[in-house]
Amino acid sequence: PPCSNNNPYASFGATLARDEEQNLWSTPHDVTHTEADDDRVLYNMIVVRNQLDKDSEEWQKLNYDIYTLRQTRKEVRNRWKHILEDLGFQKEADSLLSVTKLSIISDSQNMGKARDILLKLSEETNIFPTSWELSERYLFVVDRLIALDAADEFFKMASVMYPKRPSGERVDDSQKAPQ
């Protein structure tokens, strides 16, 4: 009978819709969405939007902001994935970028180094958009790169692929810092 709870697909559509709302990092069943500050911000935007009338201007604006934030996150993740793949981590890229509640920092000694590298990435490359708040999520990723002895290579490649440029300025050789 269709109303039987034994059918694992009975609520499939509803589950998908719910996942899409909770899926703040474009990863279905990601239970970490309210763990980090940036996740909480997005989660709160969704909660507020869902209380508004869909025809209202506020709903439209919030919906756009939520979409934009998700797209930005997707873009950042894709940049990281692209570099990881170029470094030879084609098969591992997704698991290296996967951060959940259960993720741990492999070695507390690396925490400071991971933070420094993340800061350097945000200040000296364009891997993150200008308005990006440093994300705890990428601290885990950098930690994994340190463990794989690939953090420095990652930084070098990020500098080449996403060089930091003053907005609107073309970079010529005279402006480049000596290596």
C-alpha atoms as a PDB file:
ATOM      1  CA  PRO A   1       0.000   0.000   0.000  1.00  0.00           C
ATOM      2  CA  PRO A   2       1.267   3.507  -0.843  1.00  0.00           C
ATOM      3  CA  CYS A   3       0.842   4.821   2.701  1.00  0.00           C
ATOM      4  CA  SER A   4       3.048   2.099   4.145  1.00  0.00           C
ATOM      5  CA  ASN A   5       6.181   3.397   5.842  1.00  0.00           C
ATOM      6  CA  ASN A   6       8.236   0.500   4.507  1.00  0.00           C
ATOM      7  CA  ASN A   7       8.663   2.162   1.133  1.00  0.00           C
ATOM      8  CA  PRO A   8      12.021   3.954   1.276  1.00  0.00           C
ATOM      9  CA  TYR A   9      11.037   6.096  -1.735  1.00  0.00           C
ATOM     10  CA  ALA A  10       7.659   7.261  -0.398  1.00  0.00           C
ATOM     11  CA  SER A  11       8.969  10.618   0.827  1.00  0.00           C
ATOM     12  CA  PHE A  12      11.741  10.921  -1.749  1.00  0.00           C
ATOM     13  CA  GLY A  13      10.503  14.219  -3.218  1.00  0.00           C
ATOM     14  CA  ALA A  14      10.001  15.769   0.197  1.00  0.00           C
ATOM     15  CA  THR A  15      13.416  14.579   1.348  1.00  0.00           C
ATOM     16  CA  LEU A  16      15.029  16.069  -1.742  1.00  0.00           C
ATOM     17  CA  ALA A  17      13.370  19.425  -1.151  1.00  0.00           C
ATOM     18  CA  ARG A  18      14.388  19.388   2.505  1.00  0.00           C
ATOM     19  CA  ASP A  19      17.948  18.432   1.593  1.00  0.00           C
ATOM     20  CA  GLU A  20      18.092  21.282  -0.882  1.00  0.00           C
ATOM     21  CA  GLU A  21      17.223  23.694   1.929  1.00  0.00           C
ATOM     22  CA  GLN A  22      19.741  22.206   4.312  1.00  0.00           C
ATOM     23  CA  ASN A  23      22.238  21.665   1.563  1.00  0.00           C
ATOM     24  CA  LEU A  24      24.058  24.863   2.215  1.00  0.00           C
ATOM     25  CA  TRP A  25      27.284  23.631   0.710  1.00  0.00           C
ATOM     26  CA  SER A  26      25.697  22.042  -2.349  1.00  0.00           C
ATOM     27  CA  THR A  27      26.291  18.639  -0.834  1.00  0.00           C
ATOM     28  CA  PRO A  28      23.197  16.536  -0.165  1.00  0.00           C
ATOM     29  CA  HIS A  29      22.857  15.203   3.368  1.00  0.00           C
ATOM     30  CA  ASP A  30      25.512  17.625   4.616  1.00  0.00           C
ATOM     31  CA  VAL A  31      24.670  17.749   8.305  1.00  0.00           C
ATOM     32  CA  THR A  32      27.306  20.365   9.054  1.00  0.00           C
ATOM     33  CA  HIS A  33      25.356  23.336   7.805  1.00  0.00           C
ATOM     34  CA  THR A  34      24.944  25.065  11.140  1.00  0.00           C
ATOM     35  CA  GLU A  35      28.364  24.164  12.463  1.00  0.00           C
ATOM     36  CA  ALA A  36      30.381  27.075  11.114  1.00  0.00           C
ATOM     37  CA  ASP A  37      29.546  30.770  11.290  1.00  0.00           C
ATOM     38  CA  ASP A  38      29.107  31.182   7.549  1.00  0.00           C
ATOM     39  CA  ASP A  39      26.751  28.204   7.533  1.00  0.00           C
ATOM     40  CA  ARG A  40      24.706  29.741  10.325  1.00  0.00           C
ATOM     41  CA  VAL A  41      24.394  32.981   8.374  1.00  0.00           C
ATOM     42  CA  LEU A  42      23.043  31.133   5.355  1.00  0.00           C
ATOM     43  CA  TYR A  43      20.805  28.932   7.474  1.00  0.00           C
ATOM     44  CA  ASN A  44      19.291  31.995   9.179  1.00  0.00           C
ATOM     45  CA  MET A  45      18.679  33.638   5.800  1.00  0.00           C
ATOM     46  CA  ILE A  46      16.781  30.533   4.687  1.00  0.00           C
ATOM     47  CA  VAL A  47      14.719  30.434   7.891  1.00  0.00           C
ATOM     48  CA  VAL A  48      13.761  34.108   7.498  1.00  0.00           C
ATOM     49  CA  ARG A  49      12.986  33.706   3.788  1.00  0.00           C
ATOM     50  CA  ASN A  50      10.725  30.734   4.473  1.00  0.00           C
ATOM     51  CA  GLN A  51       8.613  32.848   6.808  1.00  0.00           C
ATOM     52  CA  LEU A  52       8.001  35.475   4.149  1.00  0.00           C
ATOM     53  CA  ASP A  53       5.337  35.611   1.454  1.00  0.00           C
ATOM     54  CA  LYS A  54       6.799  34.307  -1.814  1.00  0.00           C
ATOM     55  CA  ASP A  55       5.390  37.280  -3.736  1.00  0.00           C
ATOM     56  CA  SER A  56       6.995  39.851  -1.461  1.00  0.00           C
ATOM     57  CA  GLU A  57       9.982  41.966  -2.383  1.00  0.00           C
ATOM     58  CA  GLU A  58      11.839  40.853   0.763  1.00  0.00           C
ATOM     59  CA  TRP A  59      11.394  37.191  -0.226  1.00  0.00           C
ATOM     60  CA  GLN A  60      12.761  37.919  -3.710  1.00  0.00           C
ATOM     61  CA  LYS A  61      15.746  39.778  -2.308  1.00  0.00           C
ATOM     62  CA  LEU A  62      16.574  37.114   0.291  1.00  0.00           C
ATOM     63  CA  ASN A  63      16.127  34.372  -2.264  1.00  0.00           C
ATOM     64  CA  TYR A  64      18.598  36.152  -4.545  1.00  0.00           C
ATOM     65  CA  ASP A  65      21.097  36.611  -1.687  1.00  0.00           C
ATOM     66  CA  ILE A  66      20.837  32.927  -0.747  1.00  0.00           C
ATOM     67  CA  TYR A  67      21.340  31.888  -4.367  1.00  0.00           C
ATOM     68  CA  THR A  68      24.329  34.237  -4.735  1.00  0.00           C
ATOM     69  CA  LEU A  69      25.962  32.976  -1.558  1.00  0.00           C
ATOM     70  CA  ARG A  70      25.527  29.364  -2.656  1.00  0.00           C
ATOM     71  CA  GLN A  71      26.952  30.124  -6.090  1.00  0.00           C
ATOM     72  CA  THR A  72      29.953  31.858  -4.535  1.00  0.00           C
ATOM     73  CA  ARG A  73      30.610  28.869  -2.298  1.00  0.00           C
ATOM     74  CA  LYS A  74      30.301  26.524  -5.263  1.00  0.00           C
ATOM     75  CA  GLU A  75      32.742  28.649  -7.236  1.00  0.00           C
ATOM     76  CA  VAL A  76      35.283  28.677  -4.392  1.00  0.00           C
ATOM     77  CA  ARG A  77      34.974  24.919  -3.984  1.00  0.00           C
ATOM     78  CA  ASN A  78      35.468  24.475  -7.739  1.00  0.00           C
ATOM     79  CA  ARG A  79      38.627  26.600  -7.621  1.00  0.00           C
ATOM     80  CA  TRP A  80      40.031  24.413  -4.848  1.00  0.00           C
ATOM     81  CA  LYS A  81      39.021  21.260  -6.685  1.00  0.00           C
ATOM     82  CA  HIS A  82      40.627  22.495  -9.898  1.00  0.00           C
ATOM     83  CA  ILE A  83      43.957  23.105  -8.144  1.00  0.00           C
ATOM     84  CA  LEU A  84      43.802  19.764  -6.318  1.00  0.00           C
ATOM     85  CA  GLU A  85      43.191  17.973  -9.604  1.00  0.00           C
ATOM     86  CA  ASP A  86      46.076  19.825 -11.249  1.00  0.00           C
ATOM     87  CA  LEU A  87      48.284  18.709  -8.355  1.00  0.00           C
ATOM     88  CA  GLY A  88      47.405  15.109  -9.192  1.00  0.00           C
ATOM     89  CA  PHE A  89      44.620  14.523  -6.660  1.00  0.00           C
ATOM     90  CA  GLN A  90      41.963  13.763  -9.295  1.00  0.00           C
ATOM     91  CA  LYS A  91      40.478  10.835  -7.384  1.00  0.00           C
ATOM     92  CA  GLU A  92      40.910  12.386  -3.925  1.00  0.00           C
ATOM     93  CA  ALA A  93      39.735  15.948  -4.645  1.00  0.00           C
ATOM     94  CA  ASP A  94      36.156  15.439  -3.486  1.00  0.00           C
ATOM     95  CA  SER A  95      37.102  13.624  -0.295  1.00  0.00           C
ATOM     96  CA  LEU A  96      39.805  16.211   0.471  1.00  0.00           C
ATOM     97  CA  LEU A  97      37.162  18.935   0.169  1.00  0.00           C
ATOM     98  CA  SER A  98      34.532  17.046   2.140  1.00  0.00           C
ATOM     99  CA  VAL A  99      34.191  18.476   5.636  1.00  0.00           C
ATOM    100  CA  THR A 100      31.581  17.241   8.102  1.00  0.00           C
ATOM    101  CA  LYS A 101      30.906  17.378  11.823  1.00  0.00           C
ATOM    102  CA  LEU A 102      33.067  14.294  12.137  1.00  0.00           C
ATOM    103  CA  SER A 103      36.092  15.898  10.486  1.00  0.00           C
ATOM    104  CA  ILE A 104      39.043  16.386  12.780  1.00  0.00           C
ATOM    105  CA  ILE A 105      42.320  18.239  12.485  1.00  0.00           C
ATOM    106  CA  SER A 106      44.860  15.467  11.938  1.00  0.00           C
ATOM    107  CA  ASP A 107      47.515  17.017  14.116  1.00  0.00           C
ATOM    108  CA  SER A 108      46.948  19.906  16.503  1.00  0.00           C
ATOM    109  CA  GLN A 109      50.522  20.976  15.783  1.00  0.00           C
ATOM    110  CA  ASN A 110      49.399  21.779  12.243  1.00  0.00           C
ATOM    111  CA  MET A 111      46.586  24.075  13.340  1.00  0.00           C
ATOM    112  CA  GLY A 112      48.747  27.204  13.412  1.00  0.00           C
ATOM    113  CA  LYS A 113      50.433  26.356  10.128  1.00  0.00           C
ATOM    114  CA  ALA A 114      47.061  25.596   8.494  1.00  0.00           C
ATOM    115  CA  ARG A 115      45.701  28.947   9.690  1.00  0.00           C
ATOM    116  CA  ASP A 116      48.785  30.778   8.352  1.00  0.00           C
ATOM    117  CA  ILE A 117      48.510  29.122   4.947  1.00  0.00           C
ATOM    118  CA  LEU A 118      44.778  29.850   4.751  1.00  0.00           C
ATOM    119  CA  LEU A 119      45.442  33.491   5.633  1.00  0.00           C
ATOM    120  CA  LYS A 120      48.199  33.651   3.027  1.00  0.00           C
ATOM    121  CA  LEU A 121      45.839  32.143   0.448  1.00  0.00           C
ATOM    122  CA  SER A 122      43.205  34.757   1.195  1.00  0.00           C
ATOM    123  CA  GLU A 123      45.644  37.679   1.237  1.00  0.00           C
ATOM    124  CA  GLU A 124      47.981  36.749  -1.612  1.00  0.00           C
ATOM    125  CA  THR A 125      45.717  34.954  -4.078  1.00  0.00           C
ATOM    126  CA  ASN A 126      42.267  35.387  -5.525  1.00  0.00           C
ATOM    127  CA  ILE A 127      41.098  31.877  -4.619  1.00  0.00           C
ATOM    128  CA  PHE A 128      38.473  33.471  -2.349  1.00  0.00           C
ATOM    129  CA  PRO A 129      36.261  36.379  -3.436  1.00  0.00           C
ATOM    130  CA  THR A 130      37.095  39.745  -1.874  1.00  0.00           C
ATOM    131  CA  SER A 131      34.155  39.691   0.542  1.00  0.00           C
ATOM    132  CA  TRP A 132      34.835  36.121   1.681  1.00  0.00           C
ATOM    133  CA  GLU A 133      35.026  35.474   5.399  1.00  0.00           C
ATOM    134  CA  LEU A 134      37.748  32.951   6.222  1.00  0.00           C
ATOM    135  CA  SER A 135      35.973  29.636   6.444  1.00  0.00           C
ATOM    136  CA  GLU A 136      36.691  27.033   9.065  1.00  0.00           C
ATOM    137  CA  ARG A 137      35.864  24.437   6.437  1.00  0.00           C
ATOM    138  CA  TYR A 138      38.988  25.266   4.434  1.00  0.00           C
ATOM    139  CA  LEU A 139      41.115  25.037   7.563  1.00  0.00           C
ATOM    140  CA  PHE A 140      40.379  21.289   7.528  1.00  0.00           C
ATOM    141  CA  VAL A 141      41.264  21.100   3.846  1.00  0.00           C
ATOM    142  CA  VAL A 142      44.594  22.897   4.373  1.00  0.00           C
ATOM    143  CA  ASP A 143      45.319  20.606   7.320  1.00  0.00           C
ATOM    144  CA  ARG A 144      44.840  17.602   5.031  1.00  0.00           C
ATOM    145  CA  LEU A 145      47.160  19.194   2.472  1.00  0.00           C
ATOM    146  CA  ILE A 146      49.815  19.662   5.158  1.00  0.00           C
ATOM    147  CA  ALA A 147      49.462  16.008   6.113  1.00  0.00           C
ATOM    148  CA  LEU A 148      49.938  15.096   2.432  1.00  0.00           C
ATOM    149  CA  ASP A 149      52.925  17.444   2.216  1.00  0.00           C
ATOM    150  CA  ALA A 150      51.129  19.329  -0.560  1.00  0.00           C
ATOM    151  CA  ALA A 151      50.181  22.616   1.136  1.00  0.00           C
ATOM    152  CA  ASP A 152      53.096  24.618  -0.297  1.00  0.00           C
ATOM    153  CA  GLU A 153      52.501  23.256  -3.777  1.00  0.00           C
ATOM    154  CA  PHE A 154      48.833  24.115  -3.435  1.00  0.00           C
ATOM    155  CA  PHE A 155      49.685  27.679  -2.461  1.00  0.00           C
ATOM    156  CA  LYS A 156      52.103  28.060  -5.374  1.00  0.00           C
ATOM    157  CA  MET A 157      49.529  26.806  -7.840  1.00  0.00           C
ATOM    158  CA  ALA A 158      46.790  28.997  -6.349  1.00  0.00           C
ATOM    159  CA  SER A 159      49.110  32.004  -6.780  1.00  0.00           C
ATOM    160  CA  VAL A 160      49.591  31.160 -10.448  1.00  0.00           C
ATOM    161  CA  MET A 161      45.975  30.266 -11.236  1.00  0.00           C
ATOM    162  CA  TYR A 162      44.297  32.931  -9.113  1.00  0.00           C
ATOM    163  CA  PRO A 163      46.816  35.766  -8.801  1.00  0.00           C
ATOM    164  CA  LYS A 164      45.878  38.684  -6.577  1.00  0.00           C
ATOM    165  CA  ARG A 165      45.361  41.786  -8.696  1.00  0.00           C
ATOM    166  CA  PRO A 166      44.256  45.241  -7.704  1.00  0.00           C
ATOM    167  CA  SER A 167      40.757  45.580  -9.149  1.00  0.00           C
ATOM    168  CA  GLY A 168      40.772  46.755 -12.715  1.00  0.00           C
ATOM    169  CA  GLU A 169      44.563  46.881 -13.030  1.00  0.00           C
ATOM    170  CA  ARG A 170      46.469  44.918 -15.619  1.00  0.00           C
ATOM    171  CA  VAL A 171      49.600  43.312 -14.293  1.00  0.00           C
ATOM    172  CA  ASP A 172      52.757  43.780 -16.320  1.00  0.00           C
ATOM    173  CA  ASP A 173      56.208  42.447 -15.497  1.00  0.00           C
ATOM    174  CA  SER A 174      57.375  45.670 -13.858  1.00  0.00           C
ATOM    175  CA  GLN A 175      54.703  45.331 -11.160  1.00  0.00           C
ATOM    176  CA  LYS A 176      55.487  41.746 -10.263  1.00  0.00           C
ATOM    177  CA  ALA A 177      57.448  41.197  -7.103  1.00  0.00           C
ATOM    178  CA  PRO A 178      60.819  39.508  -7.604  1.00  0.00           C
ATOM    179  CA  GLN A 179      60.699  35.807  -6.840  1.00  0.00           C
END
